[in-house]
Amino acid sequence: MLPERYVSLFRNGRNQALRIPREFELPARKAIIRKDGDKLIVEPVRTGGLLALLATLEDIETTFPEMDEALLPPDNVEL
């Protein structure tokens, strides 16, 4: 666990901000911040791409009905 470190808070326009020291940098370009009592919790937003998202989805248990052959496109379509 990293040691504590005092930082200065400052104003950036109408927002309060702080500079995050190098040893506390997050491995992301975006973060989520939430308040827990008088604590602020900052977590990186991890973007794993489409494959990571698909890996979190559950399998579909639905059985799909058969398609009517008349509704299918013809085999030889010339573009």
N, C-alpha and C. Protein backbone atom coordinates (compact mmCIF):
# COMPACT_ATOMS: atom_id res chain seq x y z
N MET A 1 0.84 -1.18 0.00
CA MET A 1 0.00 0.00 0.00
C MET A 1 0.89 1.24 0.00
N LEU A 2 0.53 2.21 -0.84
CA LEU A 2 1.31 3.44 -0.93
C LEU A 2 1.10 4.29 0.32
N PRO A 3 2.14 5.02 0.72
CA PRO A 3 1.99 5.90 1.88
C PRO A 3 1.06 7.08 1.56
N GLU A 4 0.52 7.68 2.61
CA GLU A 4 -0.31 8.88 2.43
C GLU A 4 0.55 10.04 1.96
N ARG A 5 -0.11 10.99 1.35
CA ARG A 5 0.60 12.18 0.91
C ARG A 5 -0.35 13.36 0.95
N TYR A 6 0.08 14.47 1.50
CA TYR A 6 -0.73 15.68 1.52
C TYR A 6 -0.65 16.36 0.17
N VAL A 7 -1.80 16.84 -0.31
CA VAL A 7 -1.85 17.57 -1.57
C VAL A 7 -2.63 18.85 -1.34
N SER A 8 -2.44 19.82 -2.23
CA SER A 8 -3.17 21.08 -2.14
C SER A 8 -4.37 21.04 -3.06
N LEU A 9 -5.48 21.57 -2.60
CA LEU A 9 -6.66 21.73 -3.41
C LEU A 9 -6.64 23.12 -4.01
N PHE A 10 -7.15 23.27 -5.23
CA PHE A 10 -7.18 24.58 -5.87
C PHE A 10 -8.45 24.70 -6.68
N ARG A 11 -8.74 25.90 -7.15
CA ARG A 11 -9.91 26.15 -7.97
C ARG A 11 -9.50 26.14 -9.43
N ASN A 12 -10.34 25.50 -10.25
CA ASN A 12 -10.17 25.51 -11.70
C ASN A 12 -11.53 25.94 -12.25
N GLY A 13 -11.67 27.23 -12.47
CA GLY A 13 -12.98 27.76 -12.83
C GLY A 13 -13.91 27.63 -11.64
N ARG A 14 -15.05 26.97 -11.84
CA ARG A 14 -16.00 26.77 -10.74
C ARG A 14 -15.82 25.43 -10.05
N ASN A 15 -14.78 24.66 -10.44
CA ASN A 15 -14.54 23.34 -9.87
C ASN A 15 -13.38 23.37 -8.89
N GLN A 16 -13.47 22.52 -7.88
CA GLN A 16 -12.34 22.31 -7.00
C GLN A 16 -11.51 21.17 -7.60
N ALA A 17 -10.20 21.28 -7.55
CA ALA A 17 -9.35 20.28 -8.19
C ALA A 17 -8.13 20.00 -7.30
N LEU A 18 -7.43 18.92 -7.64
CA LEU A 18 -6.16 18.62 -7.00
C LEU A 18 -5.25 17.98 -8.03
N ARG A 19 -3.97 18.16 -7.86
CA ARG A 19 -3.01 17.53 -8.76
C ARG A 19 -2.63 16.19 -8.14
N ILE A 20 -2.77 15.12 -8.93
CA ILE A 20 -2.48 13.78 -8.43
C ILE A 20 -0.98 13.52 -8.58
N PRO A 21 -0.29 13.22 -7.48
CA PRO A 21 1.14 12.93 -7.57
C PRO A 21 1.42 11.71 -8.43
N ARG A 22 2.59 11.67 -9.02
CA ARG A 22 2.97 10.61 -9.96
C ARG A 22 2.75 9.21 -9.39
N GLU A 23 3.09 8.99 -8.13
CA GLU A 23 2.97 7.65 -7.57
C GLU A 23 1.51 7.20 -7.37
N PHE A 24 0.55 8.12 -7.55
CA PHE A 24 -0.86 7.80 -7.43
C PHE A 24 -1.59 7.87 -8.77
N GLU A 25 -0.85 8.01 -9.86
CA GLU A 25 -1.48 8.12 -11.18
C GLU A 25 -2.33 6.89 -11.47
N LEU A 26 -3.45 7.11 -12.17
CA LEU A 26 -4.35 6.02 -12.56
C LEU A 26 -4.02 5.56 -13.97
N PRO A 27 -4.14 4.27 -14.24
CA PRO A 27 -3.83 3.74 -15.57
C PRO A 27 -5.00 3.90 -16.54
N ALA A 28 -5.50 5.12 -16.68
CA ALA A 28 -6.64 5.36 -17.56
C ALA A 28 -6.69 6.84 -17.93
N ARG A 29 -7.53 7.15 -18.93
CA ARG A 29 -7.71 8.54 -19.33
C ARG A 29 -8.97 9.14 -18.72
N LYS A 30 -9.86 8.27 -18.20
CA LYS A 30 -11.08 8.72 -17.55
C LYS A 30 -11.22 8.02 -16.21
N ALA A 31 -11.99 8.64 -15.30
CA ALA A 31 -12.18 8.05 -13.98
C ALA A 31 -13.61 8.27 -13.52
N ILE A 32 -14.01 7.48 -12.55
CA ILE A 32 -15.30 7.63 -11.88
C ILE A 32 -14.99 8.11 -10.48
N ILE A 33 -15.74 9.11 -10.02
CA ILE A 33 -15.55 9.63 -8.68
C ILE A 33 -16.87 9.52 -7.93
N ARG A 34 -16.78 9.11 -6.66
CA ARG A 34 -17.98 9.06 -5.83
C ARG A 34 -17.60 9.45 -4.41
N LYS A 35 -18.62 9.86 -3.67
CA LYS A 35 -18.40 10.31 -2.31
C LYS A 35 -18.91 9.25 -1.36
N ASP A 36 -18.12 8.93 -0.34
CA ASP A 36 -18.49 7.97 0.70
C ASP A 36 -18.25 8.67 2.04
N GLY A 37 -19.30 9.28 2.57
CA GLY A 37 -19.15 10.09 3.78
C GLY A 37 -18.33 11.32 3.44
N ASP A 38 -17.21 11.52 4.14
CA ASP A 38 -16.34 12.66 3.83
C ASP A 38 -15.15 12.26 2.95
N LYS A 39 -15.18 11.04 2.40
CA LYS A 39 -14.11 10.56 1.53
C LYS A 39 -14.53 10.64 0.07
N LEU A 40 -13.58 10.92 -0.80
CA LEU A 40 -13.79 10.83 -2.24
C LEU A 40 -13.05 9.61 -2.75
N ILE A 41 -13.74 8.82 -3.54
CA ILE A 41 -13.15 7.60 -4.09
C ILE A 41 -13.06 7.78 -5.60
N VAL A 42 -11.87 7.65 -6.14
CA VAL A 42 -11.63 7.83 -7.57
C VAL A 42 -11.14 6.50 -8.13
N GLU A 43 -11.85 5.99 -9.17
CA GLU A 43 -11.48 4.72 -9.77
C GLU A 43 -11.31 4.91 -11.27
N PRO A 44 -10.31 4.26 -11.87
CA PRO A 44 -10.13 4.38 -13.32
C PRO A 44 -11.25 3.69 -14.08
N VAL A 45 -11.62 4.25 -15.21
CA VAL A 45 -12.57 3.60 -16.11
C VAL A 45 -11.73 2.76 -17.07
N ARG A 46 -11.90 1.48 -16.97
CA ARG A 46 -11.12 0.58 -17.82
C ARG A 46 -11.92 0.26 -19.07
N THR A 47 -11.32 0.50 -20.21
CA THR A 47 -11.99 0.19 -21.47
C THR A 47 -11.31 -1.04 -22.05
N GLY A 48 -12.04 -2.14 -22.06
CA GLY A 48 -11.48 -3.39 -22.54
C GLY A 48 -11.88 -3.69 -23.97
N GLY A 49 -12.69 -2.84 -24.57
CA GLY A 49 -13.10 -3.07 -25.94
C GLY A 49 -14.30 -3.99 -26.03
N LEU A 50 -14.68 -4.30 -27.24
CA LEU A 50 -15.87 -5.09 -27.52
C LEU A 50 -15.76 -6.51 -26.98
N LEU A 51 -14.61 -7.15 -27.13
CA LEU A 51 -14.47 -8.52 -26.66
C LEU A 51 -14.63 -8.62 -25.14
N ALA A 52 -14.12 -7.65 -24.41
CA ALA A 52 -14.28 -7.65 -22.95
C ALA A 52 -15.75 -7.47 -22.58
N LEU A 53 -16.45 -6.61 -23.30
CA LEU A 53 -17.87 -6.42 -23.05
C LEU A 53 -18.65 -7.70 -23.35
N LEU A 54 -18.39 -8.31 -24.49
CA LEU A 54 -19.09 -9.54 -24.87
C LEU A 54 -18.84 -10.66 -23.86
N ALA A 55 -17.65 -10.70 -23.27
CA ALA A 55 -17.33 -11.74 -22.30
C ALA A 55 -18.17 -11.62 -21.03
N THR A 56 -18.71 -10.43 -20.76
CA THR A 56 -19.52 -10.23 -19.56
C THR A 56 -20.98 -10.62 -19.77
N LEU A 57 -21.40 -10.82 -21.02
CA LEU A 57 -22.80 -11.13 -21.31
C LEU A 57 -23.10 -12.61 -21.10
N GLU A 58 -24.34 -12.89 -20.70
CA GLU A 58 -24.75 -14.27 -20.51
C GLU A 58 -25.22 -14.86 -21.83
N ASP A 59 -25.16 -16.19 -21.95
CA ASP A 59 -25.64 -16.87 -23.15
C ASP A 59 -27.14 -16.67 -23.31
N ILE A 60 -27.60 -16.65 -24.55
CA ILE A 60 -29.02 -16.53 -24.84
C ILE A 60 -29.63 -17.92 -24.78
N GLU A 61 -30.68 -18.06 -23.98
CA GLU A 61 -31.34 -19.36 -23.80
C GLU A 61 -32.56 -19.52 -24.71
N THR A 62 -32.89 -18.51 -25.50
CA THR A 62 -34.08 -18.53 -26.35
C THR A 62 -33.84 -19.37 -27.59
N THR A 63 -34.83 -20.17 -27.96
CA THR A 63 -34.79 -20.91 -29.21
C THR A 63 -35.48 -20.05 -30.25
N PHE A 64 -34.80 -19.75 -31.32
CA PHE A 64 -35.37 -18.90 -32.36
C PHE A 64 -36.18 -19.74 -33.34
N PRO A 65 -37.29 -19.19 -33.85
CA PRO A 65 -38.12 -19.94 -34.80
C PRO A 65 -37.41 -20.09 -36.14
N GLU A 66 -37.82 -21.11 -36.89
CA GLU A 66 -37.27 -21.31 -38.22
C GLU A 66 -37.73 -20.17 -39.13
N MET A 67 -36.90 -19.81 -40.11
CA MET A 67 -37.24 -18.74 -41.04
C MET A 67 -38.00 -19.31 -42.23
N ASP A 68 -38.96 -18.56 -42.69
CA ASP A 68 -39.72 -18.93 -43.89
C ASP A 68 -38.81 -18.72 -45.10
N GLU A 69 -38.64 -19.73 -45.92
CA GLU A 69 -37.76 -19.64 -47.09
C GLU A 69 -38.15 -18.49 -48.01
N ALA A 70 -39.42 -18.14 -48.08
CA ALA A 70 -39.88 -17.06 -48.95
C ALA A 70 -39.37 -15.71 -48.48
N LEU A 71 -39.01 -15.60 -47.23
CA LEU A 71 -38.54 -14.33 -46.67
C LEU A 71 -37.03 -14.15 -46.81
N LEU A 72 -36.31 -15.22 -47.14
CA LEU A 72 -34.86 -15.14 -47.27
C LEU A 72 -34.48 -14.50 -48.59
N PRO A 73 -33.35 -13.79 -48.64
CA PRO A 73 -32.90 -13.20 -49.90
C PRO A 73 -32.45 -14.29 -50.88
N PRO A 74 -32.46 -14.02 -52.15
CA PRO A 74 -31.99 -15.01 -53.13
C PRO A 74 -30.50 -15.29 -52.96
N ASP A 75 -30.07 -16.50 -53.37
CA ASP A 75 -28.67 -16.88 -53.20
C ASP A 75 -27.72 -16.05 -54.05
N ASN A 76 -28.10 -15.81 -55.30
CA ASN A 76 -27.23 -15.10 -56.24
C ASN A 76 -27.68 -13.64 -56.36
N VAL A 77 -27.06 -12.79 -55.59
CA VAL A 77 -27.39 -11.37 -55.64
C VAL A 77 -26.23 -10.67 -56.31
N GLU A 78 -26.50 -9.98 -57.39
CA GLU A 78 -25.45 -9.27 -58.11
C GLU A 78 -25.50 -7.80 -57.72
N LEU A 79 -24.36 -7.30 -57.30
CA LEU A 79 -24.28 -5.88 -56.88
C LEU A 79 -23.70 -5.00 -57.94
